[in-house]
């Protein structure tokens, strides 16, 4: 917002762009990486609560950790190398992005309660407001947006 006094524009502070909170972590695929990624995401949410005054209830907290678990598990199981978890958030949403070295795009299977396994993307789509997948020069990026309000 700005105030106009005698032709001069005086910034009031509300129009200053604020960068989202961003954090990234690299994982090798060694045992324990998925739990580490969940811990990293939990710390990110605490920082988002503190720095952005984000109102994140326990249900949304659990949903976001579930999305992180599913995307990191997929990268862990289907790539031949390390993967990266990126988190970006504000007081309204968090974007979870996972990069891995496998260029094959993930498949979302139709709902089937009798199928054992392969429900990861189905779960992510149920929880996230938006899911995108794109190839990148060294593999793919899977991104899910979780709304906080």
N, C-alpha and C. Protein backbone atom coordinates (compact mmCIF):
# COMPACT_ATOMS: atom_id res chain seq x y z
N UNK A 1 0.84 -1.17 0.00
CA UNK A 1 0.00 0.00 0.00
C UNK A 1 0.88 1.23 0.00
N UNK A 2 0.38 2.29 -0.57
CA UNK A 2 1.12 3.55 -0.62
C UNK A 2 0.16 4.68 -0.33
N UNK A 3 0.70 5.73 0.24
CA UNK A 3 -0.08 6.94 0.44
C UNK A 3 0.45 7.99 -0.51
N UNK A 4 -0.43 8.79 -1.04
CA UNK A 4 -0.05 9.85 -1.97
C UNK A 4 -0.25 11.19 -1.26
N UNK A 5 0.83 11.92 -1.01
CA UNK A 5 0.77 13.22 -0.36
C UNK A 5 1.41 14.25 -1.27
N UNK A 6 0.62 15.14 -1.78
CA UNK A 6 1.14 16.21 -2.62
C UNK A 6 1.92 15.69 -3.82
N UNK A 7 1.48 14.59 -4.42
CA UNK A 7 2.14 14.05 -5.59
C UNK A 7 3.26 13.07 -5.27
N UNK A 8 3.69 13.03 -4.01
CA UNK A 8 4.76 12.10 -3.62
C UNK A 8 4.14 10.78 -3.18
N UNK A 9 4.80 9.70 -3.52
CA UNK A 9 4.35 8.37 -3.11
C UNK A 9 5.18 7.96 -1.90
N UNK A 10 4.50 7.68 -0.83
CA UNK A 10 5.18 7.29 0.40
C UNK A 10 4.81 5.85 0.72
N UNK A 11 5.78 4.93 0.66
CA UNK A 11 5.46 3.53 0.97
C UNK A 11 5.10 3.37 2.44
N UNK A 12 4.08 2.58 2.69
CA UNK A 12 3.65 2.35 4.07
C UNK A 12 4.19 1.05 4.64
N UNK A 13 4.90 0.28 3.83
CA UNK A 13 5.48 -0.96 4.32
C UNK A 13 4.71 -2.20 3.92
N UNK A 14 3.45 -2.05 3.56
CA UNK A 14 2.66 -3.22 3.22
C UNK A 14 2.86 -3.68 1.78
N UNK A 15 3.46 -2.86 0.96
CA UNK A 15 3.66 -3.24 -0.43
C UNK A 15 5.05 -3.81 -0.68
N UNK A 16 5.81 -4.02 0.38
CA UNK A 16 7.14 -4.58 0.25
C UNK A 16 7.00 -6.08 0.03
N UNK A 17 7.57 -6.59 -1.08
CA UNK A 17 7.44 -8.03 -1.32
C UNK A 17 8.19 -8.83 -0.26
N UNK A 18 7.60 -9.91 0.16
CA UNK A 18 8.20 -10.78 1.16
C UNK A 18 8.44 -12.14 0.51
N UNK A 19 9.66 -12.63 0.65
CA UNK A 19 10.00 -13.92 0.08
C UNK A 19 9.43 -15.05 0.93
N UNK A 20 8.93 -16.10 0.30
CA UNK A 20 8.47 -17.27 1.07
C UNK A 20 9.65 -17.91 1.80
N UNK A 21 9.35 -18.66 2.81
CA UNK A 21 10.37 -19.44 3.51
C UNK A 21 10.74 -20.61 2.60
N UNK A 22 12.03 -20.79 2.35
CA UNK A 22 12.49 -21.87 1.46
C UNK A 22 13.59 -22.65 2.15
N UNK A 23 13.50 -23.97 2.04
CA UNK A 23 14.54 -24.85 2.57
C UNK A 23 14.66 -26.04 1.62
N UNK A 24 15.87 -26.60 1.55
CA UNK A 24 16.11 -27.77 0.71
C UNK A 24 17.04 -28.72 1.45
N UNK A 25 16.87 -30.00 1.18
CA UNK A 25 17.74 -31.02 1.76
C UNK A 25 18.02 -32.08 0.71
N UNK A 26 19.22 -32.60 0.74
CA UNK A 26 19.66 -33.65 -0.19
C UNK A 26 19.73 -34.97 0.56
N UNK A 27 19.28 -36.03 -0.09
CA UNK A 27 19.28 -37.36 0.52
C UNK A 27 19.95 -38.35 -0.41
N UNK A 28 20.66 -39.28 0.17
CA UNK A 28 21.43 -40.26 -0.60
C UNK A 28 20.63 -41.50 -0.94
N UNK A 29 19.57 -41.75 -0.21
CA UNK A 29 18.81 -42.98 -0.39
C UNK A 29 19.22 -44.05 0.61
N UNK A 30 20.12 -43.72 1.50
CA UNK A 30 20.53 -44.67 2.54
C UNK A 30 19.35 -44.90 3.49
N UNK A 31 19.35 -46.03 4.21
CA UNK A 31 18.28 -46.26 5.18
C UNK A 31 18.16 -45.09 6.16
N UNK A 32 16.95 -44.71 6.45
CA UNK A 32 16.68 -43.62 7.38
C UNK A 32 16.40 -42.29 6.72
N UNK A 33 16.61 -42.20 5.40
CA UNK A 33 16.41 -40.93 4.70
C UNK A 33 14.96 -40.45 4.74
N UNK A 34 14.03 -41.36 4.65
CA UNK A 34 12.62 -40.96 4.65
C UNK A 34 12.24 -40.35 5.99
N UNK A 35 12.70 -40.96 7.07
CA UNK A 35 12.45 -40.40 8.40
C UNK A 35 13.15 -39.05 8.56
N UNK A 36 14.35 -38.93 8.02
CA UNK A 36 15.07 -37.64 8.07
C UNK A 36 14.29 -36.57 7.32
N UNK A 37 13.72 -36.92 6.18
CA UNK A 37 12.95 -35.97 5.39
C UNK A 37 11.71 -35.51 6.16
N UNK A 38 11.05 -36.43 6.85
CA UNK A 38 9.89 -36.05 7.67
C UNK A 38 10.32 -35.11 8.79
N UNK A 39 11.44 -35.40 9.41
CA UNK A 39 11.96 -34.52 10.47
C UNK A 39 12.30 -33.14 9.94
N UNK A 40 12.91 -33.11 8.76
CA UNK A 40 13.23 -31.85 8.10
C UNK A 40 11.95 -31.04 7.84
N UNK A 41 10.91 -31.71 7.36
CA UNK A 41 9.63 -31.04 7.09
C UNK A 41 8.98 -30.56 8.38
N UNK A 42 9.07 -31.33 9.44
CA UNK A 42 8.50 -30.91 10.73
C UNK A 42 9.20 -29.65 11.24
N UNK A 43 10.52 -29.59 11.11
CA UNK A 43 11.27 -28.39 11.50
C UNK A 43 10.85 -27.19 10.64
N UNK A 44 10.65 -27.44 9.34
CA UNK A 44 10.22 -26.38 8.43
C UNK A 44 8.87 -25.82 8.89
N UNK A 45 7.95 -26.70 9.25
CA UNK A 45 6.62 -26.25 9.70
C UNK A 45 6.72 -25.42 10.97
N UNK A 46 7.59 -25.80 11.89
CA UNK A 46 7.78 -25.01 13.11
C UNK A 46 8.33 -23.63 12.76
N UNK A 47 9.27 -23.58 11.84
CA UNK A 47 9.83 -22.30 11.43
C UNK A 47 8.77 -21.46 10.72
N UNK A 48 7.91 -22.08 9.94
CA UNK A 48 6.82 -21.37 9.27
C UNK A 48 5.84 -20.80 10.29
N UNK A 49 5.56 -21.56 11.33
CA UNK A 49 4.69 -21.06 12.40
C UNK A 49 5.31 -19.83 13.08
N UNK A 50 6.60 -19.90 13.32
CA UNK A 50 7.29 -18.83 14.03
C UNK A 50 7.49 -17.60 13.17
N UNK A 51 8.04 -17.78 11.97
CA UNK A 51 8.40 -16.65 11.13
C UNK A 51 7.24 -16.07 10.33
N UNK A 52 6.27 -16.89 9.97
CA UNK A 52 5.15 -16.43 9.16
C UNK A 52 3.85 -16.38 9.95
N UNK A 53 3.90 -16.77 11.21
CA UNK A 53 2.70 -16.85 12.04
C UNK A 53 1.64 -17.71 11.36
N UNK A 54 2.10 -18.76 10.70
CA UNK A 54 1.19 -19.65 9.99
C UNK A 54 0.36 -20.44 10.99
N UNK A 55 -0.92 -20.48 10.75
CA UNK A 55 -1.85 -21.23 11.59
C UNK A 55 -2.00 -22.63 10.98
N UNK A 56 -1.21 -23.56 11.49
CA UNK A 56 -1.19 -24.92 10.95
C UNK A 56 -1.72 -25.86 12.02
N UNK A 57 -2.91 -26.40 11.79
CA UNK A 57 -3.47 -27.32 12.78
C UNK A 57 -2.84 -28.70 12.66
N UNK A 58 -3.13 -29.56 13.61
CA UNK A 58 -2.48 -30.88 13.64
C UNK A 58 -2.87 -31.73 12.43
N UNK A 59 -4.08 -31.56 11.93
CA UNK A 59 -4.49 -32.34 10.76
C UNK A 59 -3.67 -31.94 9.53
N UNK A 60 -3.54 -30.64 9.29
CA UNK A 60 -2.76 -30.15 8.15
C UNK A 60 -1.30 -30.52 8.32
N UNK A 61 -0.81 -30.43 9.55
CA UNK A 61 0.56 -30.83 9.85
C UNK A 61 0.78 -32.28 9.43
N UNK A 62 -0.13 -33.15 9.83
CA UNK A 62 -0.04 -34.56 9.47
C UNK A 62 -0.15 -34.79 7.98
N UNK A 63 -1.04 -34.06 7.31
CA UNK A 63 -1.20 -34.20 5.87
C UNK A 63 0.07 -33.79 5.13
N UNK A 64 0.69 -32.71 5.58
CA UNK A 64 1.91 -32.26 4.92
C UNK A 64 3.03 -33.28 5.10
N UNK A 65 3.16 -33.83 6.30
CA UNK A 65 4.19 -34.85 6.53
C UNK A 65 3.89 -36.11 5.72
N UNK A 66 2.63 -36.42 5.52
CA UNK A 66 2.25 -37.56 4.69
C UNK A 66 2.65 -37.34 3.23
N UNK A 67 2.42 -36.13 2.71
CA UNK A 67 2.82 -35.81 1.34
C UNK A 67 4.33 -35.93 1.19
N UNK A 68 5.07 -35.39 2.16
CA UNK A 68 6.54 -35.50 2.12
C UNK A 68 6.94 -36.97 2.11
N UNK A 69 6.35 -37.76 3.00
CA UNK A 69 6.69 -39.19 3.07
C UNK A 69 6.43 -39.90 1.75
N UNK A 70 5.27 -39.65 1.16
CA UNK A 70 4.91 -40.34 -0.08
C UNK A 70 5.84 -39.95 -1.23
N UNK A 71 6.10 -38.65 -1.38
CA UNK A 71 6.95 -38.21 -2.50
C UNK A 71 8.40 -38.66 -2.32
N UNK A 72 8.90 -38.58 -1.10
CA UNK A 72 10.28 -39.01 -0.85
C UNK A 72 10.39 -40.52 -0.98
N UNK A 73 9.40 -41.26 -0.52
CA UNK A 73 9.41 -42.72 -0.66
C UNK A 73 9.43 -43.11 -2.13
N UNK A 74 8.61 -42.43 -2.96
CA UNK A 74 8.62 -42.71 -4.40
C UNK A 74 10.00 -42.46 -5.00
N UNK A 75 10.62 -41.33 -4.64
CA UNK A 75 11.95 -41.03 -5.16
C UNK A 75 12.96 -42.06 -4.68
N UNK A 76 12.84 -42.46 -3.44
CA UNK A 76 13.75 -43.44 -2.86
C UNK A 76 13.64 -44.80 -3.57
N UNK A 77 12.42 -45.20 -3.87
CA UNK A 77 12.19 -46.51 -4.47
C UNK A 77 12.44 -46.56 -5.97
N UNK A 78 12.23 -45.45 -6.67
CA UNK A 78 12.22 -45.50 -8.13
C UNK A 78 13.38 -44.78 -8.81
N UNK A 79 14.26 -44.15 -8.05
CA UNK A 79 15.39 -43.48 -8.70
C UNK A 79 16.68 -44.24 -8.42
N UNK A 80 17.66 -44.00 -9.24
CA UNK A 80 18.94 -44.69 -9.09
C UNK A 80 20.00 -43.80 -8.46
N UNK A 81 19.58 -42.84 -7.74
CA UNK A 81 20.57 -41.93 -7.16
C UNK A 81 19.97 -41.07 -6.08
N UNK A 82 20.68 -40.06 -5.71
CA UNK A 82 20.19 -39.18 -4.66
C UNK A 82 18.97 -38.40 -5.13
N UNK A 83 18.29 -37.80 -4.16
CA UNK A 83 17.13 -36.97 -4.47
C UNK A 83 17.14 -35.75 -3.57
N UNK A 84 16.38 -34.76 -3.97
CA UNK A 84 16.33 -33.48 -3.27
C UNK A 84 14.89 -33.20 -2.85
N UNK A 85 14.72 -32.74 -1.63
CA UNK A 85 13.43 -32.29 -1.12
C UNK A 85 13.51 -30.78 -0.96
N UNK A 86 12.60 -30.07 -1.60
CA UNK A 86 12.51 -28.62 -1.44
C UNK A 86 11.16 -28.28 -0.84
N UNK A 87 11.17 -27.38 0.13
CA UNK A 87 9.95 -26.90 0.76
C UNK A 87 9.91 -25.39 0.62
N UNK A 88 8.76 -24.87 0.24
CA UNK A 88 8.55 -23.43 0.13
C UNK A 88 7.19 -23.12 0.71
N UNK A 89 7.14 -22.16 1.65
CA UNK A 89 5.86 -21.90 2.28
C UNK A 89 5.66 -20.46 2.72
N UNK A 90 4.40 -20.16 2.91
CA UNK A 90 3.95 -18.88 3.48
C UNK A 90 2.90 -19.23 4.53
N UNK A 91 2.15 -18.23 4.95
CA UNK A 91 1.09 -18.49 5.92
C UNK A 91 -0.15 -19.12 5.30
N UNK A 92 -0.16 -19.29 3.97
CA UNK A 92 -1.34 -19.86 3.32
C UNK A 92 -1.12 -21.23 2.67
N UNK A 93 0.12 -21.56 2.30
CA UNK A 93 0.36 -22.82 1.61
C UNK A 93 1.83 -23.23 1.71
N UNK A 94 2.05 -24.53 1.50
CA UNK A 94 3.40 -25.08 1.42
C UNK A 94 3.48 -25.89 0.13
N UNK A 95 4.56 -25.67 -0.61
CA UNK A 95 4.83 -26.48 -1.80
C UNK A 95 5.95 -27.45 -1.46
N UNK A 96 5.69 -28.71 -1.73
CA UNK A 96 6.66 -29.78 -1.52
C UNK A 96 7.12 -30.23 -2.90
N UNK A 97 8.42 -30.13 -3.16
CA UNK A 97 8.96 -30.57 -4.44
C UNK A 97 10.05 -31.59 -4.19
N UNK A 98 10.01 -32.67 -4.95
CA UNK A 98 11.05 -33.70 -4.85
C UNK A 98 11.62 -33.91 -6.24
N UNK A 99 12.93 -33.78 -6.32
CA UNK A 99 13.66 -34.02 -7.56
C UNK A 99 14.37 -35.36 -7.43
N UNK A 100 14.32 -36.17 -8.49
CA UNK A 100 15.12 -37.40 -8.50
C UNK A 100 15.68 -37.62 -9.90
N UNK A 101 16.55 -38.61 -10.02
CA UNK A 101 17.30 -38.83 -11.26
C UNK A 101 16.58 -39.71 -12.28
N UNK A 102 15.43 -40.25 -11.95
CA UNK A 102 14.68 -41.11 -12.87
C UNK A 102 13.76 -40.24 -13.72
N UNK A 103 13.94 -40.28 -15.04
CA UNK A 103 13.14 -39.45 -15.93
C UNK A 103 11.73 -40.01 -16.16
N UNK A 104 11.48 -41.27 -15.76
CA UNK A 104 10.15 -41.85 -15.94
C UNK A 104 9.14 -41.13 -15.04
N UNK A 105 8.06 -40.66 -15.64
CA UNK A 105 7.04 -39.96 -14.86
C UNK A 105 6.23 -40.96 -14.04
N UNK A 106 5.85 -40.57 -12.83
CA UNK A 106 5.09 -41.50 -11.99
C UNK A 106 3.69 -41.72 -12.54
N UNK A 107 3.17 -42.91 -12.26
CA UNK A 107 1.82 -43.25 -12.69
C UNK A 107 0.87 -43.18 -11.52
N UNK A 108 -0.27 -42.59 -11.77
CA UNK A 108 -1.33 -42.56 -10.77
C UNK A 108 -2.34 -43.63 -11.16
N UNK A 109 -2.45 -44.63 -10.33
CA UNK A 109 -3.34 -45.74 -10.62
C UNK A 109 -4.76 -45.41 -10.20
N UNK A 110 -5.76 -46.00 -10.87
CA UNK A 110 -7.15 -45.77 -10.46
C UNK A 110 -7.39 -46.33 -9.05
N UNK A 111 -8.35 -45.75 -8.38
CA UNK A 111 -8.68 -46.22 -7.03
C UNK A 111 -9.05 -47.70 -7.07
N UNK A 112 -8.47 -48.44 -6.16
CA UNK A 112 -8.76 -49.86 -6.05
C UNK A 112 -8.41 -50.29 -4.63
N UNK A 113 -9.41 -50.39 -3.76
CA UNK A 113 -9.13 -50.73 -2.36
C UNK A 113 -8.55 -52.13 -2.19
N UNK A 114 -8.65 -52.97 -3.20
CA UNK A 114 -8.11 -54.33 -3.09
C UNK A 114 -6.63 -54.40 -3.49
N UNK A 115 -6.13 -53.35 -4.14
CA UNK A 115 -4.73 -53.35 -4.56
C UNK A 115 -3.83 -53.12 -3.35
N UNK A 116 -2.77 -53.88 -3.27
CA UNK A 116 -1.79 -53.70 -2.20
C UNK A 116 -0.66 -52.85 -2.77
N UNK A 117 -0.43 -51.69 -2.16
CA UNK A 117 0.63 -50.80 -2.61
C UNK A 117 0.22 -49.94 -3.79
N UNK A 118 1.12 -49.08 -4.20
CA UNK A 118 0.94 -48.16 -5.33
C UNK A 118 -0.21 -47.18 -5.12
N UNK A 119 -0.38 -46.74 -3.87
CA UNK A 119 -1.41 -45.75 -3.55
C UNK A 119 -0.82 -44.37 -3.29
N UNK A 120 0.51 -44.23 -3.42
CA UNK A 120 1.20 -42.99 -3.04
C UNK A 120 0.67 -41.75 -3.73
N UNK A 121 0.64 -41.75 -5.06
CA UNK A 121 0.15 -40.57 -5.77
C UNK A 121 -1.35 -40.36 -5.57
N UNK A 122 -2.07 -41.42 -5.39
CA UNK A 122 -3.50 -41.31 -5.08
C UNK A 122 -3.69 -40.54 -3.78
N UNK A 123 -2.87 -40.85 -2.79
CA UNK A 123 -2.93 -40.16 -1.50
C UNK A 123 -2.52 -38.70 -1.66
N UNK A 124 -1.42 -38.46 -2.38
CA UNK A 124 -0.95 -37.09 -2.58
C UNK A 124 -2.02 -36.26 -3.28
N UNK A 125 -2.66 -36.80 -4.30
CA UNK A 125 -3.72 -36.07 -5.01
C UNK A 125 -4.92 -35.80 -4.11
N UNK A 126 -5.20 -36.70 -3.19
CA UNK A 126 -6.33 -36.51 -2.28
C UNK A 126 -6.07 -35.39 -1.27
N UNK A 127 -4.83 -35.21 -0.89
CA UNK A 127 -4.48 -34.24 0.15
C UNK A 127 -4.10 -32.88 -0.42
N UNK A 128 -3.39 -32.87 -1.54
CA UNK A 128 -2.86 -31.62 -2.10
C UNK A 128 -3.90 -30.91 -2.96
N UNK A 129 -3.80 -29.59 -3.01
CA UNK A 129 -4.70 -28.81 -3.87
C UNK A 129 -4.21 -28.80 -5.31
N UNK A 130 -2.92 -29.09 -5.51
CA UNK A 130 -2.36 -29.12 -6.86
C UNK A 130 -1.16 -30.05 -6.86
N UNK A 131 -1.05 -30.86 -7.91
CA UNK A 131 0.09 -31.76 -8.08
C UNK A 131 0.58 -31.61 -9.51
N UNK A 132 1.88 -31.37 -9.66
CA UNK A 132 2.47 -31.26 -10.99
C UNK A 132 3.68 -32.17 -11.08
N UNK A 133 3.93 -32.65 -12.29
CA UNK A 133 5.10 -33.49 -12.55
C UNK A 133 5.73 -32.96 -13.83
N UNK A 134 7.04 -32.79 -13.79
CA UNK A 134 7.72 -32.35 -15.00
C UNK A 134 9.11 -32.96 -15.08
N UNK A 135 9.53 -33.19 -16.31
CA UNK A 135 10.90 -33.65 -16.51
C UNK A 135 11.84 -32.47 -16.36
N UNK A 136 12.98 -32.74 -15.78
CA UNK A 136 14.06 -31.75 -15.65
C UNK A 136 15.29 -32.37 -16.29
N UNK A 137 16.35 -31.59 -16.53
CA UNK A 137 17.50 -32.13 -17.26
C UNK A 137 18.09 -33.43 -16.71
N UNK A 138 17.99 -33.65 -15.41
CA UNK A 138 18.60 -34.86 -14.86
C UNK A 138 17.56 -35.81 -14.25
N UNK A 139 16.32 -35.71 -14.63
CA UNK A 139 15.30 -36.60 -14.08
C UNK A 139 13.94 -35.96 -14.10
N UNK A 140 13.32 -35.87 -12.93
CA UNK A 140 11.97 -35.28 -12.85
C UNK A 140 11.81 -34.52 -11.54
N UNK A 141 10.76 -33.70 -11.53
CA UNK A 141 10.36 -32.93 -10.35
C UNK A 141 8.88 -33.20 -10.13
N UNK A 142 8.55 -33.65 -8.92
CA UNK A 142 7.16 -33.84 -8.54
C UNK A 142 6.86 -32.82 -7.46
N UNK A 143 5.83 -32.03 -7.67
CA UNK A 143 5.51 -30.93 -6.75
C UNK A 143 4.05 -31.05 -6.31
N UNK A 144 3.82 -30.86 -5.02
CA UNK A 144 2.47 -30.88 -4.47
C UNK A 144 2.27 -29.64 -3.60
N UNK A 145 1.16 -28.97 -3.79
CA UNK A 145 0.83 -27.79 -2.99
C UNK A 145 -0.22 -28.17 -1.94
N UNK A 146 0.09 -27.87 -0.68
CA UNK A 146 -0.82 -28.15 0.42
C UNK A 146 -1.27 -26.81 0.99
N UNK A 147 -2.56 -26.53 0.90
CA UNK A 147 -3.09 -25.28 1.45
C UNK A 147 -3.20 -25.39 2.96
N UNK A 148 -2.86 -24.30 3.65
CA UNK A 148 -2.88 -24.31 5.11
C UNK A 148 -4.20 -23.83 5.67
N UNK A 149 -4.99 -23.13 4.90
CA UNK A 149 -6.27 -22.63 5.42
C UNK A 149 -7.43 -23.27 4.73
